[in-house]
């Protein structure tokens, strides 16, 4: 699934090509694409018609388009294969086109939501006083947010009494980090994914946050990570950070730091990739 860098790449594209435009028409071509909008497709279209799109925003993996002159937003769920594409109005429809937004200007482009596996979708929600769609009000700030509180994160980390990778994937604690970037940051920090959080010191937490920010910033610089054609930016282009991955997907390959073969272990219906020499398995507590 897309993580913070991939979603931020899409957000930047929407800010450039969609923000400030007024919706003229909405076509819902598959009901599952608006299943998170309880009132259905016709109401979804009615909520948007004639509305001007504000500046695209993001928190963690969540992306939304505020509606100007309304206390509501379009929330985008990309799911496993969702794509928000800005396409010429004359371009042929994609095979898995689910929603189309046309605008009342002469730019000649439209916004399309394409989703092969139909796990994603769009929906309209009321905003909180902070300008977030109300259904994601519980989501924590992400580590690239200037208002992210490092000290509060450290305190919460120690209180959770969990293991570090579980904590990094807890979107109510820190948002935007998924399986790929958790493995990458833990490799950089030389931390095993099962390291208990209760023993983290402030310097160790600060070091880990630095690596989380570093790997995400590096991924952003090259457009995110794309393992197949399903993740693309609004222009249909893939990112290529997978070429720079140090841990994720490198089972059996030599660690780029010490040369030991990288390992993969099943973890919470996913996989964790790590170096057995650099990232020592924590000893069981007596």
Protein backbone atom coordinates (compact mmCIF):
# COMPACT_ATOMS: atom_id res chain seq x y z
CA UNK A 1 0.00 0.00 0.00
CA UNK A 2 1.19 3.57 -0.55
CA UNK A 3 2.99 5.11 2.42
CA UNK A 4 3.68 8.76 3.24
CA UNK A 5 6.14 9.52 0.39
CA UNK A 6 3.88 8.03 -2.29
CA UNK A 7 0.80 9.85 -0.99
CA UNK A 8 2.73 13.12 -0.73
CA UNK A 9 3.81 12.80 -4.35
CA UNK A 10 0.15 12.46 -5.35
CA UNK A 11 -0.83 15.38 -3.10
CA UNK A 12 1.71 17.66 -4.78
CA UNK A 13 0.36 16.72 -8.18
CA UNK A 14 -3.22 17.44 -7.12
CA UNK A 15 -2.16 20.78 -5.65
CA UNK A 16 -0.62 21.74 -8.97
CA UNK A 17 -3.28 20.45 -11.36
CA UNK A 18 -6.58 20.35 -9.44
CA UNK A 19 -6.58 22.83 -6.54
CA UNK A 20 -8.51 26.02 -7.35
CA UNK A 21 -10.68 24.42 -10.03
CA UNK A 22 -14.48 24.18 -9.84
CA UNK A 23 -16.27 20.86 -10.36
CA UNK A 24 -18.74 20.88 -13.25
CA UNK A 25 -19.74 17.21 -13.34
CA UNK A 26 -19.10 13.99 -11.44
CA UNK A 27 -19.57 10.49 -12.85
CA UNK A 28 -19.55 7.54 -10.44
CA UNK A 29 -18.90 4.48 -12.59
CA UNK A 30 -18.64 1.83 -9.88
CA UNK A 31 -20.60 1.82 -6.59
CA UNK A 32 -17.73 0.36 -4.54
CA UNK A 33 -15.67 3.47 -5.28
CA UNK A 34 -18.06 5.52 -3.09
CA UNK A 35 -18.95 2.88 -0.51
CA UNK A 36 -17.41 5.04 2.24
CA UNK A 37 -19.89 7.77 1.28
CA UNK A 38 -23.00 6.38 3.02
CA UNK A 39 -25.51 8.44 1.04
CA UNK A 40 -24.38 6.87 -2.24
CA UNK A 41 -23.10 7.94 -5.63
CA UNK A 42 -25.80 10.45 -6.54
CA UNK A 43 -25.34 12.31 -3.27
CA UNK A 44 -21.55 12.20 -3.69
CA UNK A 45 -21.88 13.85 -7.11
CA UNK A 46 -24.36 16.44 -5.79
CA UNK A 47 -22.02 17.36 -2.93
CA UNK A 48 -19.25 18.22 -5.39
CA UNK A 49 -21.05 19.86 -8.31
CA UNK A 50 -20.30 23.59 -8.42
CA UNK A 51 -17.75 23.37 -5.60
CA UNK A 52 -14.26 24.82 -5.88
CA UNK A 53 -11.42 22.53 -4.82
CA UNK A 54 -9.09 23.91 -2.14
CA UNK A 55 -5.41 23.14 -1.62
CA UNK A 56 -4.77 19.40 -1.42
CA UNK A 57 -3.76 18.24 2.05
CA UNK A 58 -2.32 15.12 3.63
CA UNK A 59 -1.78 13.59 7.06
CA UNK A 60 0.29 10.43 7.05
CA UNK A 61 -1.16 8.15 4.37
CA UNK A 62 -4.46 10.07 4.22
CA UNK A 63 -5.13 12.52 1.41
CA UNK A 64 -7.99 14.98 1.05
CA UNK A 65 -9.23 17.87 -1.07
CA UNK A 66 -10.99 20.60 0.96
CA UNK A 67 -14.09 22.10 -0.63
CA UNK A 68 -13.91 25.89 -0.68
CA UNK A 69 -16.89 27.67 0.91
CA UNK A 70 -17.93 24.41 2.60
CA UNK A 71 -16.90 22.82 5.86
CA UNK A 72 -16.23 19.49 4.14
CA UNK A 73 -13.59 17.63 2.13
CA UNK A 74 -13.16 14.85 -0.41
CA UNK A 75 -11.21 12.10 1.33
CA UNK A 76 -9.22 9.79 -0.91
CA UNK A 77 -8.53 6.16 0.01
CA UNK A 78 -5.97 4.76 -2.44
CA UNK A 79 -6.13 1.25 -0.98
CA UNK A 80 -3.94 -1.32 -2.72
CA UNK A 81 -4.26 -0.06 -6.27
CA UNK A 82 -6.07 3.29 -6.32
CA UNK A 83 -4.77 6.00 -8.64
CA UNK A 84 -5.77 9.67 -8.89
CA UNK A 85 -4.87 10.66 -12.44
CA UNK A 86 -5.09 14.03 -14.17
CA UNK A 87 -5.83 13.12 -17.77
CA UNK A 88 -6.72 15.00 -20.95
CA UNK A 89 -10.48 14.98 -21.45
CA UNK A 90 -9.89 13.30 -24.82
CA UNK A 91 -7.80 10.43 -23.40
CA UNK A 92 -9.40 6.96 -23.63
CA UNK A 93 -10.96 5.72 -20.41
CA UNK A 94 -8.82 3.41 -18.33
CA UNK A 95 -10.09 -0.17 -17.96
CA UNK A 96 -10.63 0.29 -14.22
CA UNK A 97 -11.92 3.87 -14.22
CA UNK A 98 -14.28 4.27 -11.23
CA UNK A 99 -14.94 8.02 -10.83
CA UNK A 100 -14.52 11.00 -13.15
CA UNK A 101 -14.49 14.69 -12.14
CA UNK A 102 -14.85 17.28 -14.89
CA UNK A 103 -14.19 20.98 -14.32
CA UNK A 104 -15.82 24.18 -15.60
CA UNK A 105 -12.69 25.66 -17.18
CA UNK A 106 -10.79 25.37 -20.43
CA UNK A 107 -7.72 23.54 -19.09
CA UNK A 108 -8.78 20.43 -21.00
CA UNK A 109 -8.00 17.97 -18.20
CA UNK A 110 -10.12 15.97 -15.76
CA UNK A 111 -9.49 14.05 -12.54
CA UNK A 112 -9.97 10.30 -12.70
CA UNK A 113 -10.01 7.74 -9.90
CA UNK A 114 -8.80 4.42 -11.25
CA UNK A 115 -8.75 1.33 -9.04
CA UNK A 116 -8.14 -2.19 -10.30
CA UNK A 117 -8.88 -4.00 -7.02
CA UNK A 118 -11.63 -1.62 -5.80
CA UNK A 119 -10.29 -1.48 -2.24
CA UNK A 120 -9.98 2.31 -2.42
CA UNK A 121 -12.49 5.07 -3.04
CA UNK A 122 -13.56 8.68 -2.56
CA UNK A 123 -16.01 10.09 -0.03
CA UNK A 124 -17.15 13.47 1.31
CA UNK A 125 -16.92 14.17 5.05
CA UNK A 126 -17.45 17.09 7.39
CA UNK A 127 -14.30 18.79 8.65
CA UNK A 128 -13.10 19.11 12.23
CA UNK A 129 -12.16 22.60 13.52
CA UNK A 130 -8.58 21.75 12.51
CA UNK A 131 -9.66 21.19 8.91
CA UNK A 132 -9.35 17.39 8.89
CA UNK A 133 -12.13 15.12 7.61
CA UNK A 134 -13.82 13.98 10.82
CA UNK A 135 -13.28 10.27 10.12
CA UNK A 136 -9.48 10.69 10.40
CA UNK A 137 -9.42 13.00 13.42
CA UNK A 138 -7.74 10.23 15.45
CA UNK A 139 -4.76 9.95 13.09
CA UNK A 140 -1.49 11.22 14.58
CA UNK A 141 0.71 13.76 12.88
CA UNK A 142 3.42 12.34 10.66
CA UNK A 143 7.18 12.76 11.18
CA UNK A 144 7.54 15.25 8.31
CA UNK A 145 4.87 17.52 9.81
CA UNK A 146 6.56 20.61 11.36
CA UNK A 147 4.16 20.31 14.31
CA UNK A 148 5.16 16.71 15.08
CA UNK A 149 6.10 16.53 18.79
CA UNK A 150 9.22 14.38 19.23
CA UNK A 151 9.09 14.48 23.03
CA UNK A 152 5.43 13.44 23.13
CA UNK A 153 6.16 10.61 20.71
CA UNK A 154 8.98 9.34 22.94
CA UNK A 155 6.77 9.42 26.03
CA UNK A 156 3.96 7.59 24.24
CA UNK A 157 6.42 5.08 22.79
CA UNK A 158 7.62 4.02 26.23
CA UNK A 159 4.09 3.79 27.61
CA UNK A 160 2.81 1.53 24.84
CA UNK A 161 4.75 -1.51 26.11
CA UNK A 162 4.97 -2.96 22.63
CA UNK A 163 7.70 -3.63 20.08
CA UNK A 164 9.21 -0.98 17.86
CA UNK A 165 7.86 -1.99 14.45
CA UNK A 166 4.34 -2.36 15.83
CA UNK A 167 4.69 1.14 17.27
CA UNK A 168 5.91 2.61 13.97
CA UNK A 169 2.88 1.15 12.18
CA UNK A 170 0.43 2.45 14.81
CA UNK A 171 -1.24 5.35 12.98
CA UNK A 172 -2.60 6.78 16.23
CA UNK A 173 0.99 7.16 17.48
CA UNK A 174 2.84 8.22 14.33
CA UNK A 175 1.24 8.30 10.88
CA UNK A 176 2.53 7.65 7.40
CA UNK A 177 4.96 4.82 8.19
CA UNK A 178 4.16 1.46 6.62
CA UNK A 179 5.94 -1.84 6.25
CA UNK A 180 8.53 -0.74 3.70
CA UNK A 181 9.76 2.41 5.39
CA UNK A 182 9.62 0.83 8.86
CA UNK A 183 12.05 -1.85 7.71
CA UNK A 184 14.27 0.73 6.03
CA UNK A 185 14.40 3.03 9.08
CA UNK A 186 15.05 0.12 11.47
CA UNK A 187 17.89 -1.10 9.27
CA UNK A 188 19.46 2.36 9.28
CA UNK A 189 19.07 2.56 13.06
CA UNK A 190 20.44 -0.99 13.58
CA UNK A 191 17.31 -1.97 15.49
CA UNK A 192 15.56 -5.33 15.39
CA UNK A 193 11.85 -5.06 14.65
CA UNK A 194 10.97 -6.87 17.91
CA UNK A 195 12.95 -4.49 20.12
CA UNK A 196 10.72 -3.53 23.12
CA UNK A 197 9.78 0.15 23.20
CA UNK A 198 9.83 0.40 27.01
CA UNK A 199 13.62 0.51 27.04
CA UNK A 200 14.02 3.33 24.49
CA UNK A 201 16.00 6.33 25.70
CA UNK A 202 15.41 9.85 24.40
CA UNK A 203 18.60 9.78 22.29
CA UNK A 204 17.63 6.40 20.80
CA UNK A 205 14.16 7.65 19.92
CA UNK A 206 15.61 10.81 18.41
CA UNK A 207 18.03 8.77 16.32
CA UNK A 208 15.24 6.52 15.04
CA UNK A 209 13.03 9.49 14.15
CA UNK A 210 15.96 10.95 12.24
CA UNK A 211 16.23 7.77 10.18
CA UNK A 212 12.46 7.66 9.58
CA UNK A 213 12.59 11.22 8.28
CA UNK A 214 15.74 10.53 6.28
CA UNK A 215 14.38 7.52 4.41
CA UNK A 216 11.06 9.24 3.70
CA UNK A 217 12.76 12.39 2.43
CA UNK A 218 15.01 10.31 0.19
CA UNK A 219 11.99 8.46 -1.20
CA UNK A 220 10.15 11.73 -1.82
CA UNK A 221 13.09 13.05 -3.81
CA UNK A 222 12.70 10.25 -6.37
CA UNK A 223 8.91 10.00 -6.45
CA UNK A 224 8.33 7.22 -3.93
CA UNK A 225 8.55 3.44 -4.24
CA UNK A 226 6.88 1.50 -7.07
CA UNK A 227 7.13 -2.29 -7.22
CA UNK A 228 4.59 -2.53 -10.06
CA UNK A 229 2.53 -0.31 -12.29
CA UNK A 230 -0.25 0.21 -9.73
CA UNK A 231 1.39 3.05 -7.79
CA UNK A 232 1.87 6.14 -9.97
CA UNK A 233 1.68 9.91 -9.54
CA UNK A 234 -1.09 12.02 -11.08
CA UNK A 235 0.71 11.97 -14.44
CA UNK A 236 0.94 8.17 -14.46
CA UNK A 237 4.66 8.08 -13.68
CA UNK A 238 6.24 5.56 -11.28
CA UNK A 239 8.69 6.37 -8.51
CA UNK A 240 11.99 4.53 -8.34
CA UNK A 241 13.12 4.51 -4.69
CA UNK A 242 12.95 0.69 -4.76
CA UNK A 243 16.37 0.85 -6.43
CA UNK A 244 17.77 2.34 -3.21
CA UNK A 245 16.11 0.06 -0.66
CA UNK A 246 18.58 -1.33 1.89
CA UNK A 247 16.34 -3.86 3.63
CA UNK A 248 12.87 -4.40 2.19
CA UNK A 249 12.70 -7.13 -0.46
CA UNK A 250 16.40 -8.04 -0.18
CA UNK A 251 16.17 -11.51 1.37
CA UNK A 252 19.40 -13.47 0.76
CA UNK A 253 21.26 -10.46 -0.62
CA UNK A 254 24.31 -9.12 1.26
CA UNK A 255 23.71 -6.40 3.83
CA UNK A 256 25.07 -3.16 2.38
CA UNK A 257 26.70 -2.39 5.73
CA UNK A 258 28.27 -5.67 6.90
CA UNK A 259 27.80 -8.17 4.08
CA UNK A 260 25.72 -10.72 6.02
CA UNK A 261 22.81 -12.26 4.06
CA UNK A 262 19.60 -10.34 4.69
CA UNK A 263 16.73 -12.31 6.19
CA UNK A 264 12.95 -12.24 5.92
CA UNK A 265 10.57 -13.31 8.64
CA UNK A 266 6.77 -13.57 8.59
CA UNK A 267 5.33 -10.83 10.78
CA UNK A 268 1.66 -9.88 11.35
CA UNK A 269 0.56 -11.28 7.95
CA UNK A 270 3.43 -9.35 6.35
CA UNK A 271 7.18 -9.74 6.11
CA UNK A 272 10.02 -8.11 8.01
CA UNK A 273 13.42 -7.78 6.35
CA UNK A 274 16.50 -7.30 8.50
CA UNK A 275 20.21 -7.99 8.88
CA UNK A 276 20.86 -10.69 11.50
CA UNK A 277 24.27 -9.23 12.29
CA UNK A 278 23.50 -5.48 12.37
CA UNK A 279 20.03 -5.86 13.88
CA UNK A 280 20.49 -8.33 16.71
CA UNK A 281 17.45 -10.19 18.01
CA UNK A 282 16.64 -8.78 21.46
CA UNK A 283 17.25 -11.11 24.39
CA UNK A 284 14.12 -12.37 26.17
CA UNK A 285 13.45 -10.48 29.39
CA UNK A 286 13.74 -12.67 32.51
